[in-house]
Amino acid sequence: MFIAINVHVIDHKDQRYDTVGDYYEEDGVLEVRISHMGNWKYHLLVLIHELVEYFMCRDAGITEEEITAFDKEFEKNRKPGNTDEPGHDPASPYGAYHKLAEVVERCAAWVLGVDWKEYSAVVESL
């Protein structure tokens, strides 16, 4: 399987919903949108996460539409002060793959010398 991938770093306000990383297929191309955080390493970490999650979900037959619908519903019902990611919710249809992607993302952060707490604080600030 071969797929073309377009990656764009965009203003957070231009995401389809309140997320720092988003992906969807359009005309046979995987489109990845990453919220601008002013640090190329942070952008790379989000990209790594999104790619791992996308390909694992694709292999498991979990569609982007299912993921996006779950994420949007989660965000709509988010309680004030809750900074959990939708993929950590036990009801998430893609939870196992989100968690795997986070493990890979954390490993990459370690290799890149990125402090996970600082990175997470920037992500949560958006």
PDB file of N, CA and C in Angstrom:
ATOM      1  N   MET A   1       0.846  -1.177   0.000  1.00  0.00           N
ATOM      2  CA  MET A   1       0.000   0.000   0.000  1.00  0.00           C
ATOM      3  C   MET A   1       0.888   1.235   0.000  1.00  0.00           C
ATOM      4  N   PHE A   2       0.555   2.173  -0.811  1.00  0.00           N
ATOM      5  CA  PHE A   2       1.229   3.458  -0.829  1.00  0.00           C
ATOM      6  C   PHE A   2       0.176   4.535  -0.706  1.00  0.00           C
ATOM      7  N   ILE A   3       0.499   5.542   0.054  1.00  0.00           N
ATOM      8  CA  ILE A   3      -0.437   6.651   0.213  1.00  0.00           C
ATOM      9  C   ILE A   3       0.369   7.950   0.224  1.00  0.00           C
ATOM     10  N   ALA A   4      -0.146   8.952  -0.425  1.00  0.00           N
ATOM     11  CA  ALA A   4       0.473  10.280  -0.361  1.00  0.00           C
ATOM     12  C   ALA A   4       0.042  10.932   0.950  1.00  0.00           C
ATOM     13  N   ILE A   5       0.954  11.716   1.520  1.00  0.00           N
ATOM     14  CA  ILE A   5       0.671  12.371   2.791  1.00  0.00           C
ATOM     15  C   ILE A   5       1.020  13.848   2.673  1.00  0.00           C
ATOM     16  N   ASN A   6       0.066  14.703   3.000  1.00  0.00           N
ATOM     17  CA  ASN A   6       0.292  16.146   3.089  1.00  0.00           C
ATOM     18  C   ASN A   6       0.258  16.519   4.562  1.00  0.00           C
ATOM     19  N   VAL A   7       1.248  17.253   5.005  1.00  0.00           N
ATOM     20  CA  VAL A   7       1.317  17.697   6.394  1.00  0.00           C
ATOM     21  C   VAL A   7       1.357  19.216   6.407  1.00  0.00           C
ATOM     22  N   HIS A   8       0.500  19.809   7.226  1.00  0.00           N
ATOM     23  CA  HIS A   8       0.452  21.265   7.340  1.00  0.00           C
ATOM     24  C   HIS A   8       0.415  21.658   8.806  1.00  0.00           C
ATOM     25  N   VAL A   9       1.227  22.634   9.168  1.00  0.00           N
ATOM     26  CA  VAL A   9       1.159  23.249  10.481  1.00  0.00           C
ATOM     27  C   VAL A   9       0.281  24.483  10.313  1.00  0.00           C
ATOM     28  N   ILE A  10      -0.788  24.527  11.112  1.00  0.00           N
ATOM     29  CA  ILE A  10      -1.804  25.577  10.951  1.00  0.00           C
ATOM     30  C   ILE A  10      -2.087  26.254  12.297  1.00  0.00           C
ATOM     31  N   ASP A  11      -2.746  27.393  12.241  1.00  0.00           N
ATOM     32  CA  ASP A  11      -3.216  28.029  13.469  1.00  0.00           C
ATOM     33  C   ASP A  11      -4.219  27.101  14.149  1.00  0.00           C
ATOM     34  N   HIS A  12      -4.131  27.020  15.449  1.00  0.00           N
ATOM     35  CA  HIS A  12      -5.020  26.119  16.194  1.00  0.00           C
ATOM     36  C   HIS A  12      -6.493  26.416  15.894  1.00  0.00           C
ATOM     37  N   LYS A  13      -6.826  27.673  15.745  1.00  0.00           N
ATOM     38  CA  LYS A  13      -8.224  28.066  15.485  1.00  0.00           C
ATOM     39  C   LYS A  13      -8.755  27.496  14.165  1.00  0.00           C
ATOM     40  N   ASP A  14      -7.849  27.076  13.281  1.00  0.00           N
ATOM     41  CA  ASP A  14      -8.260  26.554  11.978  1.00  0.00           C
ATOM     42  C   ASP A  14      -8.438  25.033  11.964  1.00  0.00           C
ATOM     43  N   GLN A  15      -8.254  24.375  13.119  1.00  0.00           N
ATOM     44  CA  GLN A  15      -8.512  22.931  13.194  1.00  0.00           C
ATOM     45  C   GLN A  15     -10.014  22.685  13.022  1.00  0.00           C
ATOM     46  N   ARG A  16     -10.357  21.480  12.582  1.00  0.00           N
ATOM     47  CA  ARG A  16     -11.773  21.138  12.390  1.00  0.00           C
ATOM     48  C   ARG A  16     -12.527  21.115  13.712  1.00  0.00           C
ATOM     49  N   TYR A  17     -11.841  20.821  14.794  1.00  0.00           N
ATOM     50  CA  TYR A  17     -12.398  20.850  16.142  1.00  0.00           C
ATOM     51  C   TYR A  17     -11.224  21.049  17.089  1.00  0.00           C
ATOM     52  N   ASP A  18     -11.472  21.111  18.394  1.00  0.00           N
ATOM     53  CA  ASP A  18     -10.425  21.427  19.360  1.00  0.00           C
ATOM     54  C   ASP A  18      -9.474  20.242  19.541  1.00  0.00           C
ATOM     55  N   THR A  19      -8.476  20.204  18.686  1.00  0.00           N
ATOM     56  CA  THR A  19      -7.456  19.162  18.723  1.00  0.00           C
ATOM     57  C   THR A  19      -6.148  19.754  18.225  1.00  0.00           C
ATOM     58  N   VAL A  20      -5.032  19.206  18.693  1.00  0.00           N
ATOM     59  CA  VAL A  20      -3.734  19.705  18.251  1.00  0.00           C
ATOM     60  C   VAL A  20      -3.240  18.969  17.010  1.00  0.00           C
ATOM     61  N   GLY A  21      -3.764  17.771  16.791  1.00  0.00           N
ATOM     62  CA  GLY A  21      -3.412  16.984  15.614  1.00  0.00           C
ATOM     63  C   GLY A  21      -4.649  16.355  15.023  1.00  0.00           C
ATOM     64  N   ASP A  22      -4.780  16.438  13.718  1.00  0.00           N
ATOM     65  CA  ASP A  22      -5.966  15.922  13.031  1.00  0.00           C
ATOM     66  C   ASP A  22      -5.528  15.295  11.718  1.00  0.00           C
ATOM     67  N   TYR A  23      -6.230  14.250  11.326  1.00  0.00           N
ATOM     68  CA  TYR A  23      -5.951  13.631  10.029  1.00  0.00           C
ATOM     69  C   TYR A  23      -7.252  13.169   9.393  1.00  0.00           C
ATOM     70  N   TYR A  24      -7.227  13.147   8.083  1.00  0.00           N
ATOM     71  CA  TYR A  24      -8.363  12.663   7.311  1.00  0.00           C
ATOM     72  C   TYR A  24      -7.876  12.386   5.898  1.00  0.00           C
ATOM     73  N   GLU A  25      -8.612  11.522   5.210  1.00  0.00           N
ATOM     74  CA  GLU A  25      -8.276  11.223   3.823  1.00  0.00           C
ATOM     75  C   GLU A  25      -9.119  12.080   2.902  1.00  0.00           C
ATOM     76  N   GLU A  26      -8.477  12.564   1.846  1.00  0.00           N
ATOM     77  CA  GLU A  26      -9.183  13.371   0.854  1.00  0.00           C
ATOM     78  C   GLU A  26      -8.593  13.062  -0.514  1.00  0.00           C
ATOM     79  N   ASP A  27      -9.409  12.516  -1.379  1.00  0.00           N
ATOM     80  CA  ASP A  27      -8.974  12.179  -2.741  1.00  0.00           C
ATOM     81  C   ASP A  27      -7.731  11.287  -2.747  1.00  0.00           C
ATOM     82  N   GLY A  28      -7.717  10.290  -1.844  1.00  0.00           N
ATOM     83  CA  GLY A  28      -6.614   9.346  -1.786  1.00  0.00           C
ATOM     84  C   GLY A  28      -5.348   9.865  -1.132  1.00  0.00           C
ATOM     85  N   VAL A  29      -5.444  11.030  -0.498  1.00  0.00           N
ATOM     86  CA  VAL A  29      -4.294  11.634   0.162  1.00  0.00           C
ATOM     87  C   VAL A  29      -4.596  11.743   1.656  1.00  0.00           C
ATOM     88  N   LEU A  30      -3.638  11.341   2.481  1.00  0.00           N
ATOM     89  CA  LEU A  30      -3.780  11.542   3.914  1.00  0.00           C
ATOM     90  C   LEU A  30      -3.392  12.979   4.227  1.00  0.00           C
ATOM     91  N   GLU A  31      -4.324  13.726   4.780  1.00  0.00           N
ATOM     92  CA  GLU A  31      -4.099  15.119   5.163  1.00  0.00           C
ATOM     93  C   GLU A  31      -3.903  15.153   6.672  1.00  0.00           C
ATOM     94  N   VAL A  32      -2.780  15.706   7.111  1.00  0.00           N
ATOM     95  CA  VAL A  32      -2.492  15.839   8.538  1.00  0.00           C
ATOM     96  C   VAL A  32      -2.369  17.319   8.854  1.00  0.00           C
ATOM     97  N   ARG A  33      -3.099  17.752   9.872  1.00  0.00           N
ATOM     98  CA  ARG A  33      -3.084  19.145  10.311  1.00  0.00           C
ATOM     99  C   ARG A  33      -2.578  19.189  11.749  1.00  0.00           C
ATOM    100  N   ILE A  34      -1.549  19.988  11.975  1.00  0.00           N
ATOM    101  CA  ILE A  34      -0.935  20.115  13.291  1.00  0.00           C
ATOM    102  C   ILE A  34      -1.021  21.573  13.719  1.00  0.00           C
ATOM    103  N   SER A  35      -1.482  21.795  14.948  1.00  0.00           N
ATOM    104  CA  SER A  35      -1.568  23.161  15.461  1.00  0.00           C
ATOM    105  C   SER A  35      -0.177  23.737  15.676  1.00  0.00           C
ATOM    106  N   HIS A  36      -0.006  24.991  15.264  1.00  0.00           N
ATOM    107  CA  HIS A  36       1.283  25.666  15.405  1.00  0.00           C
ATOM    108  C   HIS A  36       1.603  25.867  16.885  1.00  0.00           C
ATOM    109  N   MET A  37       2.802  25.424  17.281  1.00  0.00           N
ATOM    110  CA  MET A  37       3.244  25.559  18.666  1.00  0.00           C
ATOM    111  C   MET A  37       4.595  26.252  18.773  1.00  0.00           C
ATOM    112  N   GLY A  38       5.150  26.704  17.641  1.00  0.00           N
ATOM    113  CA  GLY A  38       6.391  27.446  17.675  1.00  0.00           C
ATOM    114  C   GLY A  38       7.634  26.611  17.928  1.00  0.00           C
ATOM    115  N   ASN A  39       7.522  25.306  17.782  1.00  0.00           N
ATOM    116  CA  ASN A  39       8.663  24.427  18.035  1.00  0.00           C
ATOM    117  C   ASN A  39       8.571  23.250  17.066  1.00  0.00           C
ATOM    118  N   TRP A  40       9.518  23.118  16.167  1.00  0.00           N
ATOM    119  CA  TRP A  40       9.448  22.061  15.155  1.00  0.00           C
ATOM    120  C   TRP A  40       9.452  20.673  15.788  1.00  0.00           C
ATOM    121  N   LYS A  41      10.098  20.522  16.938  1.00  0.00           N
ATOM    122  CA  LYS A  41      10.109  19.210  17.591  1.00  0.00           C
ATOM    123  C   LYS A  41       8.713  18.834  18.084  1.00  0.00           C
ATOM    124  N   TYR A  42       7.982  19.813  18.581  1.00  0.00           N
ATOM    125  CA  TYR A  42       6.609  19.557  19.017  1.00  0.00           C
ATOM    126  C   TYR A  42       5.746  19.157  17.829  1.00  0.00           C
ATOM    127  N   HIS A  43       5.938  19.836  16.714  1.00  0.00           N
ATOM    128  CA  HIS A  43       5.176  19.508  15.501  1.00  0.00           C
ATOM    129  C   HIS A  43       5.506  18.085  15.052  1.00  0.00           C
ATOM    130  N   LEU A  44       6.777  17.730  15.095  1.00  0.00           N
ATOM    131  CA  LEU A  44       7.187  16.382  14.713  1.00  0.00           C
ATOM    132  C   LEU A  44       6.583  15.334  15.642  1.00  0.00           C
ATOM    133  N   LEU A  45       6.553  15.600  16.936  1.00  0.00           N
ATOM    134  CA  LEU A  45       5.959  14.644  17.878  1.00  0.00           C
ATOM    135  C   LEU A  45       4.486  14.414  17.574  1.00  0.00           C
ATOM    136  N   VAL A  46       3.757  15.479  17.284  1.00  0.00           N
ATOM    137  CA  VAL A  46       2.340  15.326  16.933  1.00  0.00           C
ATOM    138  C   VAL A  46       2.209  14.524  15.638  1.00  0.00           C
ATOM    139  N   LEU A  47       3.047  14.828  14.662  1.00  0.00           N
ATOM    140  CA  LEU A  47       3.004  14.088  13.395  1.00  0.00           C
ATOM    141  C   LEU A  47       3.254  12.603  13.618  1.00  0.00           C
ATOM    142  N   ILE A  48       4.261  12.271  14.396  1.00  0.00           N
ATOM    143  CA  ILE A  48       4.556  10.868  14.683  1.00  0.00           C
ATOM    144  C   ILE A  48       3.341  10.203  15.312  1.00  0.00           C
ATOM    145  N   HIS A  49       2.757  10.864  16.298  1.00  0.00           N
ATOM    146  CA  HIS A  49       1.562  10.319  16.958  1.00  0.00           C
ATOM    147  C   HIS A  49       0.443  10.074  15.950  1.00  0.00           C
ATOM    148  N   GLU A  50       0.159  11.076  15.145  1.00  0.00           N
ATOM    149  CA  GLU A  50      -0.958  10.963  14.201  1.00  0.00           C
ATOM    150  C   GLU A  50      -0.719   9.851  13.177  1.00  0.00           C
ATOM    151  N   LEU A  51       0.495   9.717  12.692  1.00  0.00           N
ATOM    152  CA  LEU A  51       0.779   8.677  11.698  1.00  0.00           C
ATOM    153  C   LEU A  51       0.656   7.276  12.296  1.00  0.00           C
ATOM    154  N   VAL A  52       1.199   7.073  13.478  1.00  0.00           N
ATOM    155  CA  VAL A  52       1.073   5.758  14.129  1.00  0.00           C
ATOM    156  C   VAL A  52      -0.401   5.441  14.348  1.00  0.00           C
ATOM    157  N   GLU A  53      -1.123   6.386  14.918  1.00  0.00           N
ATOM    158  CA  GLU A  53      -2.544   6.171  15.197  1.00  0.00           C
ATOM    159  C   GLU A  53      -3.327   5.888  13.910  1.00  0.00           C
ATOM    160  N   TYR A  54      -3.105   6.690  12.895  1.00  0.00           N
ATOM    161  CA  TYR A  54      -3.828   6.523  11.633  1.00  0.00           C
ATOM    162  C   TYR A  54      -3.612   5.130  11.040  1.00  0.00           C
ATOM    163  N   PHE A  55      -2.338   4.717  10.901  1.00  0.00           N
ATOM    164  CA  PHE A  55      -2.068   3.448  10.235  1.00  0.00           C
ATOM    165  C   PHE A  55      -2.513   2.252  11.070  1.00  0.00           C
ATOM    166  N   MET A  56      -2.409   2.322  12.385  1.00  0.00           N
ATOM    167  CA  MET A  56      -2.889   1.228  13.228  1.00  0.00           C
ATOM    168  C   MET A  56      -4.415   1.122  13.140  1.00  0.00           C
ATOM    169  N   CYS A  57      -5.089   2.262  13.186  1.00  0.00           N
ATOM    170  CA  CYS A  57      -6.554   2.250  13.077  1.00  0.00           C
ATOM    171  C   CYS A  57      -6.983   1.768  11.703  1.00  0.00           C
ATOM    172  N   ARG A  58      -6.306   2.223  10.687  1.00  0.00           N
ATOM    173  CA  ARG A  58      -6.637   1.789   9.327  1.00  0.00           C
ATOM    174  C   ARG A  58      -6.523   0.274   9.205  1.00  0.00           C
ATOM    175  N   ASP A  59      -5.434  -0.282   9.741  1.00  0.00           N
ATOM    176  CA  ASP A  59      -5.231  -1.727   9.700  1.00  0.00           C
ATOM    177  C   ASP A  59      -6.315  -2.471  10.473  1.00  0.00           C
ATOM    178  N   ALA A  60      -6.815  -1.857  11.551  1.00  0.00           N
ATOM    179  CA  ALA A  60      -7.844  -2.489  12.384  1.00  0.00           C
ATOM    180  C   ALA A  60      -9.259  -2.250  11.862  1.00  0.00           C
ATOM    181  N   GLY A  61      -9.401  -1.471  10.788  1.00  0.00           N
ATOM    182  CA  GLY A  61     -10.725  -1.207  10.223  1.00  0.00           C
ATOM    183  C   GLY A  61     -11.500  -0.112  10.939  1.00  0.00           C
ATOM    184  N   ILE A  62     -10.813   0.693  11.728  1.00  0.00           N
ATOM    185  CA  ILE A  62     -11.454   1.822  12.413  1.00  0.00           C
ATOM    186  C   ILE A  62     -11.298   3.039  11.508  1.00  0.00           C
ATOM    187  N   THR A  63     -12.417   3.621  11.136  1.00  0.00           N
ATOM    188  CA  THR A  63     -12.383   4.710  10.166  1.00  0.00           C
ATOM    189  C   THR A  63     -12.132   6.066  10.822  1.00  0.00           C
ATOM    190  N   GLU A  64     -11.621   6.976  10.020  1.00  0.00           N
ATOM    191  CA  GLU A  64     -11.417   8.346  10.472  1.00  0.00           C
ATOM    192  C   GLU A  64     -12.749   8.964  10.870  1.00  0.00           C
ATOM    193  N   GLU A  65     -13.805   8.620  10.170  1.00  0.00           N
ATOM    194  CA  GLU A  65     -15.134   9.158  10.500  1.00  0.00           C
ATOM    195  C   GLU A  65     -15.557   8.731  11.903  1.00  0.00           C
ATOM    196  N   GLU A  66     -15.300   7.476  12.264  1.00  0.00           N
ATOM    197  CA  GLU A  66     -15.626   6.992  13.614  1.00  0.00           C
ATOM    198  C   GLU A  66     -14.812   7.752  14.666  1.00  0.00           C
ATOM    199  N   ILE A  67     -13.541   7.938  14.377  1.00  0.00           N
ATOM    200  CA  ILE A  67     -12.655   8.625  15.313  1.00  0.00           C
ATOM    201  C   ILE A  67     -13.088  10.074  15.489  1.00  0.00           C
ATOM    202  N   THR A  68     -13.318  10.759  14.390  1.00  0.00           N
ATOM    203  CA  THR A  68     -13.702  12.167  14.458  1.00  0.00           C
ATOM    204  C   THR A  68     -15.043  12.334  15.157  1.00  0.00           C
ATOM    205  N   ALA A  69     -16.008  11.468  14.877  1.00  0.00           N
ATOM    206  CA  ALA A  69     -17.314  11.552  15.539  1.00  0.00           C
ATOM    207  C   ALA A  69     -17.151  11.374  17.055  1.00  0.00           C
ATOM    208  N   PHE A  70     -16.343  10.409  17.451  1.00  0.00           N
ATOM    209  CA  PHE A  70     -16.118  10.186  18.881  1.00  0.00           C
ATOM    210  C   PHE A  70     -15.435  11.410  19.500  1.00  0.00           C
ATOM    211  N   ASP A  71     -14.392  11.909  18.845  1.00  0.00           N
ATOM    212  CA  ASP A  71     -13.656  13.063  19.375  1.00  0.00           C
ATOM    213  C   ASP A  71     -14.555  14.290  19.519  1.00  0.00           C
ATOM    214  N   LYS A  72     -15.369  14.561  18.514  1.00  0.00           N
ATOM    215  CA  LYS A  72     -16.243  15.736  18.566  1.00  0.00           C
ATOM    216  C   LYS A  72     -17.270  15.599  19.697  1.00  0.00           C
ATOM    217  N   GLU A  73     -17.816  14.419  19.864  1.00  0.00           N
ATOM    218  CA  GLU A  73     -18.779  14.178  20.950  1.00  0.00           C
ATOM    219  C   GLU A  73     -18.090  14.331  22.304  1.00  0.00           C
ATOM    220  N   PHE A  74     -16.887  13.802  22.416  1.00  0.00           N
ATOM    221  CA  PHE A  74     -16.115  13.924  23.653  1.00  0.00           C
ATOM    222  C   PHE A  74     -15.885  15.398  23.979  1.00  0.00           C
ATOM    223  N   GLU A  75     -15.460  16.174  22.982  1.00  0.00           N
ATOM    224  CA  GLU A  75     -15.197  17.596  23.201  1.00  0.00           C
ATOM    225  C   GLU A  75     -16.474  18.350  23.566  1.00  0.00           C
ATOM    226  N   LYS A  76     -17.579  17.979  22.948  1.00  0.00           N
ATOM    227  CA  LYS A  76     -18.854  18.637  23.234  1.00  0.00           C
ATOM    228  C   LYS A  76     -19.259  18.425  24.694  1.00  0.00           C
ATOM    229  N   ASN A  77     -18.929  17.264  25.256  1.00  0.00           N
ATOM    230  CA  ASN A  77     -19.318  16.920  26.619  1.00  0.00           C
ATOM    231  C   ASN A  77     -18.189  17.070  27.639  1.00  0.00           C
ATOM    232  N   ARG A  78     -17.081  17.681  27.226  1.00  0.00           N
ATOM    233  CA  ARG A  78     -15.927  17.842  28.118  1.00  0.00           C
ATOM    234  C   ARG A  78     -16.313  18.718  29.309  1.00  0.00           C
ATOM    235  N   LYS A  79     -15.940  18.247  30.491  1.00  0.00           N
ATOM    236  CA  LYS A  79     -16.207  19.003  31.707  1.00  0.00           C
ATOM    237  C   LYS A  79     -15.091  20.042  31.910  1.00  0.00           C
ATOM    238  N   PRO A  80     -15.429  21.205  32.456  1.00  0.00           N
ATOM    239  CA  PRO A  80     -14.411  22.237  32.683  1.00  0.00           C
ATOM    240  C   PRO A  80     -13.245  21.680  33.511  1.00  0.00           C
ATOM    241  N   GLY A  81     -12.036  22.014  33.090  1.00  0.00           N
ATOM    242  CA  GLY A  81     -10.847  21.562  33.797  1.00  0.00           C
ATOM    243  C   GLY A  81     -10.338  20.197  33.371  1.00  0.00           C
ATOM    244  N   ASN A  82     -11.130  19.455  32.601  1.00  0.00           N
ATOM    245  CA  ASN A  82     -10.719  18.127  32.140  1.00  0.00           C
ATOM    246  C   ASN A  82      -9.764  18.294  30.960  1.00  0.00           C
ATOM    247  N   THR A  83      -8.537  17.796  31.116  1.00  0.00           N
ATOM    248  CA  THR A  83      -7.550  17.896  30.037  1.00  0.00           C
ATOM    249  C   THR A  83      -7.271  16.533  29.408  1.00  0.00           C
ATOM    250  N   ASP A  84      -8.105  15.536  29.719  1.00  0.00           N
ATOM    251  CA  ASP A  84      -7.928  14.203  29.136  1.00  0.00           C
ATOM    252  C   ASP A  84      -8.053  14.254  27.621  1.00  0.00           C
ATOM    253  N   GLU A  85      -7.365  13.338  26.968  1.00  0.00           N
ATOM    254  CA  GLU A  85      -7.508  13.201  25.527  1.00  0.00           C
ATOM    255  C   GLU A  85      -8.641  12.215  25.241  1.00  0.00           C
ATOM    256  N   PRO A  86      -9.401  12.441  24.172  1.00  0.00           N
ATOM    257  CA  PRO A  86     -10.498  11.520  23.847  1.00  0.00           C
ATOM    258  C   PRO A  86     -10.033  10.071  23.720  1.00  0.00           C
ATOM    259  N   GLY A  87      -8.836   9.858  23.206  1.00  0.00           N
ATOM    260  CA  GLY A  87      -8.323   8.500  23.031  1.00  0.00           C
ATOM    261  C   GLY A  87      -8.043   7.768  24.324  1.00  0.00           C
ATOM    262  N   HIS A  88      -8.048   8.487  25.453  1.00  0.00           N
ATOM    263  CA  HIS A  88      -7.854   7.847  26.757  1.00  0.00           C
ATOM    264  C   HIS A  88      -9.171   7.403  27.373  1.00  0.00           C
ATOM    265  N   ASP A  89     -10.277   7.858  26.819  1.00  0.00           N
ATOM    266  CA  ASP A  89     -11.587   7.479  27.340  1.00  0.00           C
ATOM    267  C   ASP A  89     -11.812   5.988  27.104  1.00  0.00           C
ATOM    268  N   PRO A  90     -12.280   5.250  28.115  1.00  0.00           N
ATOM    269  CA  PRO A  90     -12.517   3.808  27.934  1.00  0.00           C
ATOM    270  C   PRO A  90     -13.484   3.472  26.797  1.00  0.00           C
ATOM    271  N   ALA A  91     -14.341   4.412  26.435  1.00  0.00           N
ATOM    272  CA  ALA A  91     -15.305   4.173  25.358  1.00  0.00           C
ATOM    273  C   ALA A  91     -14.730   4.458  23.972  1.00  0.00           C
ATOM    274  N   SER A  92     -13.514   4.959  23.910  1.00  0.00           N
ATOM    275  CA  SER A  92     -12.909   5.329  22.628  1.00  0.00           C
ATOM    276  C   SER A  92     -12.761   4.109  21.715  1.00  0.00           C
ATOM    277  N   PRO A  93     -13.226   4.217  20.475  1.00  0.00           N
ATOM    278  CA  PRO A  93     -13.091   3.080  19.554  1.00  0.00           C
ATOM    279  C   PRO A  93     -11.653   2.841  19.096  1.00  0.00           C
ATOM    280  N   TYR A  94     -10.788   3.805  19.354  1.00  0.00           N
ATOM    281  CA  TYR A  94      -9.398   3.718  18.898  1.00  0.00           C
ATOM    282  C   TYR A  94      -8.409   3.833  20.049  1.00  0.00           C
ATOM    283  N   GLY A  95      -8.886   3.660  21.274  1.00  0.00           N
ATOM    284  CA  GLY A  95      -8.076   3.883  22.466  1.00  0.00           C
ATOM    285  C   GLY A  95      -6.751   3.146  22.491  1.00  0.00           C
ATOM    286  N   ALA A  96      -6.746   1.873  22.120  1.00  0.00           N
ATOM    287  CA  ALA A  96      -5.501   1.091  22.152  1.00  0.00           C
ATOM    288  C   ALA A  96      -4.471   1.682  21.196  1.00  0.00           C
ATOM    289  N   TYR A  97      -4.911   2.152  20.045  1.00  0.00           N
ATOM    290  CA  TYR A  97      -3.992   2.691  19.047  1.00  0.00           C
ATOM    291  C   TYR A  97      -3.529   4.093  19.424  1.00  0.00           C
ATOM    292  N   HIS A  98      -4.407   4.852  20.073  1.00  0.00           N
ATOM    293  CA  HIS A  98      -4.013   6.159  20.590  1.00  0.00           C
ATOM    294  C   HIS A  98      -2.918   5.986  21.641  1.00  0.00           C
ATOM    295  N   LYS A  99      -3.104   5.023  22.526  1.00  0.00           N
ATOM    296  CA  LYS A  99      -2.120   4.793  23.587  1.00  0.00           C
ATOM    297  C   LYS A  99      -0.796   4.298  23.006  1.00  0.00           C
ATOM    298  N   LEU A 100      -0.846   3.438  22.016  1.00  0.00           N
ATOM    299  CA  LEU A 100       0.376   2.998  21.348  1.00  0.00           C
ATOM    300  C   LEU A 100       1.087   4.189  20.711  1.00  0.00           C
ATOM    301  N   ALA A 101       0.322   5.046  20.033  1.00  0.00           N
ATOM    302  CA  ALA A 101       0.901   6.228  19.394  1.00  0.00           C
ATOM    303  C   ALA A 101       1.550   7.133  20.436  1.00  0.00           C
ATOM    304  N   GLU A 102       0.942   7.222  21.610  1.00  0.00           N
ATOM    305  CA  GLU A 102       1.525   8.056  22.661  1.00  0.00           C
ATOM    306  C   GLU A 102       2.847   7.468  23.166  1.00  0.00           C
ATOM    307  N   VAL A 103       2.931   6.149  23.266  1.00  0.00           N
ATOM    308  CA  VAL A 103       4.187   5.516  23.681  1.00  0.00           C
ATOM    309  C   VAL A 103       5.302   5.848  22.681  1.00  0.00           C
ATOM    310  N   VAL A 104       4.999   5.724  21.394  1.00  0.00           N
ATOM    311  CA  VAL A 104       5.989   6.043  20.356  1.00  0.00           C
ATOM    312  C   VAL A 104       6.348   7.531  20.419  1.00  0.00           C
ATOM    313  N   GLU A 105       5.351   8.375  20.615  1.00  0.00           N
ATOM    314  CA  GLU A 105       5.556   9.819  20.726  1.00  0.00           C
ATOM    315  C   GLU A 105       6.469  10.147  21.920  1.00  0.00           C
ATOM    316  N   ARG A 106       6.244   9.483  23.055  1.00  0.00           N
ATOM    317  CA  ARG A 106       7.075   9.714  24.245  1.00  0.00           C
ATOM    318  C   ARG A 106       8.514   9.259  23.999  1.00  0.00           C
ATOM    319  N   CYS A 107       8.674   8.148  23.319  1.00  0.00           N
ATOM    320  CA  CYS A 107      10.025   7.675  22.978  1.00  0.00           C
ATOM    321  C   CYS A 107      10.737   8.690  22.086  1.00  0.00           C
ATOM    322  N   ALA A 108      10.030   9.197  21.086  1.00  0.00           N
ATOM    323  CA  ALA A 108      10.607  10.194  20.191  1.00  0.00           C
ATOM    324  C   ALA A 108      10.959  11.468  20.960  1.00  0.00           C
ATOM    325  N   ALA A 109      10.106  11.861  21.912  1.00  0.00           N
ATOM    326  CA  ALA A 109      10.390  13.047  22.725  1.00  0.00           C
ATOM    327  C   ALA A 109      11.686  12.851  23.506  1.00  0.00           C
ATOM    328  N   TRP A 110      11.858  11.673  24.051  1.00  0.00           N
ATOM    329  CA  TRP A 110      13.077  11.374  24.808  1.00  0.00           C
ATOM    330  C   TRP A 110      14.308  11.481  23.905  1.00  0.00           C
ATOM    331  N   VAL A 111      14.226  10.901  22.714  1.00  0.00           N
ATOM    332  CA  VAL A 111      15.353  10.945  21.775  1.00  0.00           C
ATOM    333  C   VAL A 111      15.659  12.386  21.366  1.00  0.00           C
ATOM    334  N   LEU A 112      14.630  13.190  21.192  1.00  0.00           N
ATOM    335  CA  LEU A 112      14.799  14.586  20.767  1.00  0.00           C
ATOM    336  C   LEU A 112      15.149  15.531  21.915  1.00  0.00           C
ATOM    337  N   GLY A 113      15.155  15.019  23.127  1.00  0.00           N
ATOM    338  CA  GLY A 113      15.457  15.869  24.276  1.00  0.00           C
ATOM    339  C   GLY A 113      14.337  16.811  24.657  1.00  0.00           C
ATOM    340  N   VAL A 114      13.102  16.429  24.337  1.00  0.00           N
ATOM    341  CA  VAL A 114      11.938  17.253  24.660  1.00  0.00           C
ATOM    342  C   VAL A 114      11.430  16.866  26.046  1.00  0.00           C
ATOM    343  N   ASP A 115      11.263  17.853  26.907  1.00  0.00           N
ATOM    344  CA  ASP A 115      10.688  17.622  28.227  1.00  0.00           C
ATOM    345  C   ASP A 115       9.185  17.382  28.065  1.00  0.00           C
ATOM    346  N   TRP A 116       8.723  16.192  28.446  1.00  0.00           N
ATOM    347  CA  TRP A 116       7.329  15.807  28.224  1.00  0.00           C
ATOM    348  C   TRP A 116       6.356  16.743  28.938  1.00  0.00           C
ATOM    349  N   LYS A 117       6.690  17.168  30.154  1.00  0.00           N
ATOM    350  CA  LYS A 117       5.787  18.057  30.903  1.00  0.00           C
ATOM    351  C   LYS A 117       5.664  19.413  30.222  1.00  0.00           C
ATOM    352  N   GLU A 118       6.783  19.957  29.742  1.00  0.00           N
ATOM    353  CA  GLU A 118       6.736  21.236  29.034  1.00  0.00           C
ATOM    354  C   GLU A 118       5.930  21.125  27.749  1.00  0.00           C
ATOM    355  N   TYR A 119       6.193  20.061  27.003  1.00  0.00           N
ATOM    356  CA  TYR A 119       5.475  19.809  25.748  1.00  0.00           C
ATOM    357  C   TYR A 119       3.978  19.684  26.022  1.00  0.00           C
ATOM    358  N   SER A 120       3.611  18.880  27.007  1.00  0.00           N
ATOM    359  CA  SER A 120       2.201  18.689  27.345  1.00  0.00           C
ATOM    360  C   SER A 120       1.534  19.990  27.756  1.00  0.00           C
ATOM    361  N   ALA A 121       2.258  20.817  28.483  1.00  0.00           N
ATOM    362  CA  ALA A 121       1.697  22.106  28.906  1.00  0.00           C
ATOM    363  C   ALA A 121       1.388  22.983  27.698  1.00  0.00           C
ATOM    364  N   VAL A 122       2.265  22.975  26.698  1.00  0.00           N
ATOM    365  CA  VAL A 122       2.014  23.758  25.483  1.00  0.00           C
ATOM    366  C   VAL A 122       0.788  23.202  24.752  1.00  0.00           C
ATOM    367  N   VAL A 123       0.724  21.891  24.605  1.00  0.00           N
ATOM    368  CA  VAL A 123      -0.423  21.265  23.940  1.00  0.00           C
ATOM    369  C   VAL A 123      -1.713  21.614  24.654  1.00  0.00           C
ATOM    370  N   GLU A 124      -1.720  21.494  25.976  1.00  0.00           N
ATOM    371  CA  GLU A 124      -2.931  21.760  26.749  1.00  0.00           C
ATOM    372  C   GLU A 124      -3.320  23.239  26.750  1.00  0.00           C
ATOM    373  N   SER A 125      -2.350  24.130  26.496  1.00  0.00           N
ATOM    374  CA  SER A 125      -2.638  25.561  26.491  1.00  0.00           C
ATOM    375  C   SER A 125      -3.434  25.993  25.256  1.00  0.00           C
ATOM    376  N   LEU A 126      -3.429  25.145  24.230  1.00  0.00           N
ATOM    377  CA  LEU A 126      -4.137  25.505  23.000  1.00  0.00           C
ATOM    378  C   LEU A 126      -5.585  25.283  23.200  1.00  0.00           C
TER     379      LEU A 126
END
